[in-house]
Amino acid sequence: MKRVIIANDHGAIEIKQKLVKHLESRGYRVDNLGVDSEESVDYPDMAKEACERFLSDGGYEFGVVCCGTGIGISIAANKVKGIRCALPQNIFAARMGREHNNANFIAFGGRIDYWEPVEKMLDAFIDGDFAGDRHARRVDKIMGLENR
């Protein structure tokens, strides 16, 4: 069974629940590290836990992280060596995150009014395939920045 890891803070409970339901409908087993309470938690801690588990356990197809805007948790995720987290605004950007940047995480904001359904954005990310070629060279350069 395909596996995904997901984590969220208190600002993204509803969107996380929506994404989990959608992922399960697509046949994924979802390891939910997120919260279901509005009690405040720190999004960097949630990102760290999800990214470290993703890297150490293996077997995950990708990860999803969510906070109020998606910004803070995506920045935190991108600080973890080996993670490339996309923060798409629409379906096109979600697909490009996978096809051009070979992103292994995707972030969403629970307090953002998206113009396109987040489920369709997630589908575009899932269904995208890394294009390789010139994009591989660029991804290598991105990952090389971790060692600076």
Protein backbone atom coordinates (compact mmCIF):
# COMPACT_ATOMS: atom_id res chain seq x y z
CA MET A 1 0.00 0.00 0.00
CA LYS A 2 1.23 3.48 -0.85
CA ARG A 3 2.16 5.53 2.21
CA VAL A 4 2.06 9.26 2.92
CA ILE A 5 2.96 11.22 6.01
CA ILE A 6 1.04 14.33 7.02
CA ALA A 7 1.42 16.87 9.82
CA ASN A 8 -0.33 20.09 10.73
CA ASP A 9 -0.61 22.72 13.41
CA HIS A 10 -3.74 24.16 15.00
CA GLY A 11 -4.29 26.54 12.07
CA ALA A 12 -4.85 23.77 9.55
CA ILE A 13 -7.08 21.13 11.15
CA GLU A 14 -9.89 21.24 8.59
CA ILE A 15 -7.64 21.24 5.52
CA LYS A 16 -5.60 18.36 6.97
CA GLN A 17 -8.76 16.33 7.54
CA LYS A 18 -9.91 17.06 3.98
CA LEU A 19 -6.52 16.01 2.56
CA VAL A 20 -6.39 12.82 4.65
CA LYS A 21 -9.84 11.82 3.43
CA HIS A 22 -8.84 12.51 -0.17
CA LEU A 23 -5.58 10.59 0.13
CA GLU A 24 -7.36 7.60 1.64
CA SER A 25 -9.90 7.68 -1.21
CA ARG A 26 -6.93 7.38 -3.57
CA GLY A 27 -5.69 4.28 -1.75
CA TYR A 28 -2.99 5.78 0.45
CA ARG A 29 -2.24 4.78 3.99
CA VAL A 30 -1.81 8.09 5.78
CA ASP A 31 0.41 8.40 8.85
CA ASN A 32 -1.16 11.38 10.57
CA LEU A 33 1.24 13.19 12.90
CA GLY A 34 -0.89 16.31 13.00
CA VAL A 35 -3.15 17.72 15.65
CA ASP A 36 -6.94 17.72 15.80
CA SER A 37 -7.21 20.32 18.55
CA GLU A 38 -7.11 24.10 18.32
CA GLU A 39 -4.64 24.16 21.21
CA SER A 40 -1.58 26.00 19.95
CA VAL A 41 1.38 23.95 18.70
CA ASP A 42 4.49 25.18 16.92
CA TYR A 43 4.57 24.45 13.18
CA PRO A 44 8.39 24.06 13.07
CA ASP A 45 8.05 21.14 15.48
CA MET A 46 5.38 19.53 13.29
CA ALA A 47 7.48 19.98 10.15
CA LYS A 48 10.57 18.56 11.85
CA GLU A 49 8.74 15.47 13.08
CA ALA A 50 7.16 14.73 9.70
CA CYS A 51 10.36 15.32 7.71
CA GLU A 52 12.57 13.31 10.04
CA ARG A 53 10.13 10.39 10.05
CA PHE A 54 9.87 10.60 6.23
CA LEU A 55 13.64 10.40 5.90
CA SER A 56 14.33 7.82 8.61
CA ASP A 57 11.46 5.37 8.10
CA GLY A 58 11.48 5.37 4.31
CA GLY A 59 8.68 3.87 2.29
CA TYR A 60 6.73 7.11 2.02
CA GLU A 61 5.78 8.34 -1.43
CA PHE A 62 5.72 11.96 -0.20
CA GLY A 63 4.75 14.15 2.74
CA VAL A 64 2.18 16.88 3.36
CA VAL A 65 2.52 19.68 5.89
CA CYS A 66 -0.05 22.34 6.76
CA CYS A 67 -0.20 25.43 8.93
CA GLY A 68 -2.30 28.60 8.83
CA THR A 69 -0.72 29.93 5.64
CA GLY A 70 1.52 27.03 4.64
CA ILE A 71 4.42 29.45 4.57
CA GLY A 72 6.01 28.84 7.96
CA ILE A 73 5.71 25.08 7.86
CA SER A 74 7.10 24.91 4.30
CA ILE A 75 10.08 27.07 5.30
CA ALA A 76 10.68 24.81 8.31
CA ALA A 77 10.39 21.66 6.18
CA ASN A 78 12.86 23.04 3.65
CA LYS A 79 15.44 23.49 6.43
CA VAL A 80 15.60 19.70 6.89
CA LYS A 81 18.37 18.24 4.77
CA GLY A 82 16.93 16.13 1.98
CA ILE A 83 13.51 17.79 1.88
CA ARG A 84 12.12 19.82 -1.01
CA CYS A 85 8.74 21.21 -0.01
CA ALA A 86 6.53 22.94 -2.57
CA LEU A 87 4.00 25.59 -1.54
CA PRO A 88 1.70 25.81 -4.56
CA GLN A 89 -0.86 28.52 -5.26
CA ASN A 90 -2.75 26.51 -7.86
CA ILE A 91 -2.92 23.23 -9.80
CA PHE A 92 -0.19 24.25 -12.25
CA ALA A 93 2.29 25.13 -9.49
CA ALA A 94 1.52 21.88 -7.66
CA ARG A 95 2.29 19.83 -10.77
CA MET A 96 5.47 21.82 -11.47
CA GLY A 97 6.63 21.25 -7.90
CA ARG A 98 6.82 17.57 -8.74
CA GLU A 99 7.76 17.70 -12.43
CA HIS A 100 10.46 20.39 -12.27
CA ASN A 101 11.59 20.43 -8.64
CA ASN A 102 11.08 16.77 -7.70
CA ALA A 103 9.46 17.97 -4.47
CA ASN A 104 8.98 15.26 -1.87
CA PHE A 105 6.70 17.39 0.33
CA ILE A 106 3.82 19.70 -0.39
CA ALA A 107 2.42 22.39 1.92
CA PHE A 108 -1.00 23.99 2.25
CA GLY A 109 -2.48 26.77 4.35
CA GLY A 110 -5.59 26.15 6.40
CA ARG A 111 -6.49 29.84 6.44
CA ILE A 112 -5.93 30.42 2.72
CA ASP A 113 -8.85 30.81 0.32
CA TYR A 114 -7.59 28.80 -2.62
CA TRP A 115 -9.15 29.53 -6.02
CA GLU A 116 -8.84 25.89 -7.02
CA PRO A 117 -9.74 22.87 -4.87
CA VAL A 118 -6.82 21.68 -2.75
CA GLU A 119 -7.72 18.09 -3.62
CA LYS A 120 -7.11 18.87 -7.30
CA MET A 121 -3.85 20.58 -6.42
CA LEU A 122 -2.80 17.50 -4.46
CA ASP A 123 -3.82 15.26 -7.37
CA ALA A 124 -1.66 17.30 -9.75
CA PHE A 125 1.29 16.88 -7.38
CA ILE A 126 0.69 13.14 -6.97
CA ASP A 127 0.18 12.50 -10.67
CA GLY A 128 3.18 14.55 -11.76
CA ASP A 129 6.38 12.74 -12.68
CA PHE A 130 9.82 14.28 -12.32
CA ALA A 131 10.96 15.36 -15.78
CA GLY A 132 14.66 14.85 -15.07
CA ASP A 133 17.11 16.13 -17.71
CA ARG A 134 17.83 19.84 -17.20
CA HIS A 135 15.60 19.83 -14.12
CA ALA A 136 17.78 17.19 -12.46
CA ARG A 137 20.77 19.50 -12.82
CA ARG A 138 18.80 22.29 -11.18
CA VAL A 139 17.55 20.09 -8.35
CA ASP A 140 21.15 19.01 -7.73
CA LYS A 141 22.11 22.68 -7.46
CA ILE A 142 19.26 23.32 -5.02
CA MET A 143 20.33 20.40 -2.87
CA GLY A 144 23.94 21.57 -3.05
CA LEU A 145 22.89 24.71 -1.23
CA GLU A 146 22.31 22.59 1.89
CA ASN A 147 26.05 22.13 2.22
CA ARG A 148 26.93 25.83 2.30
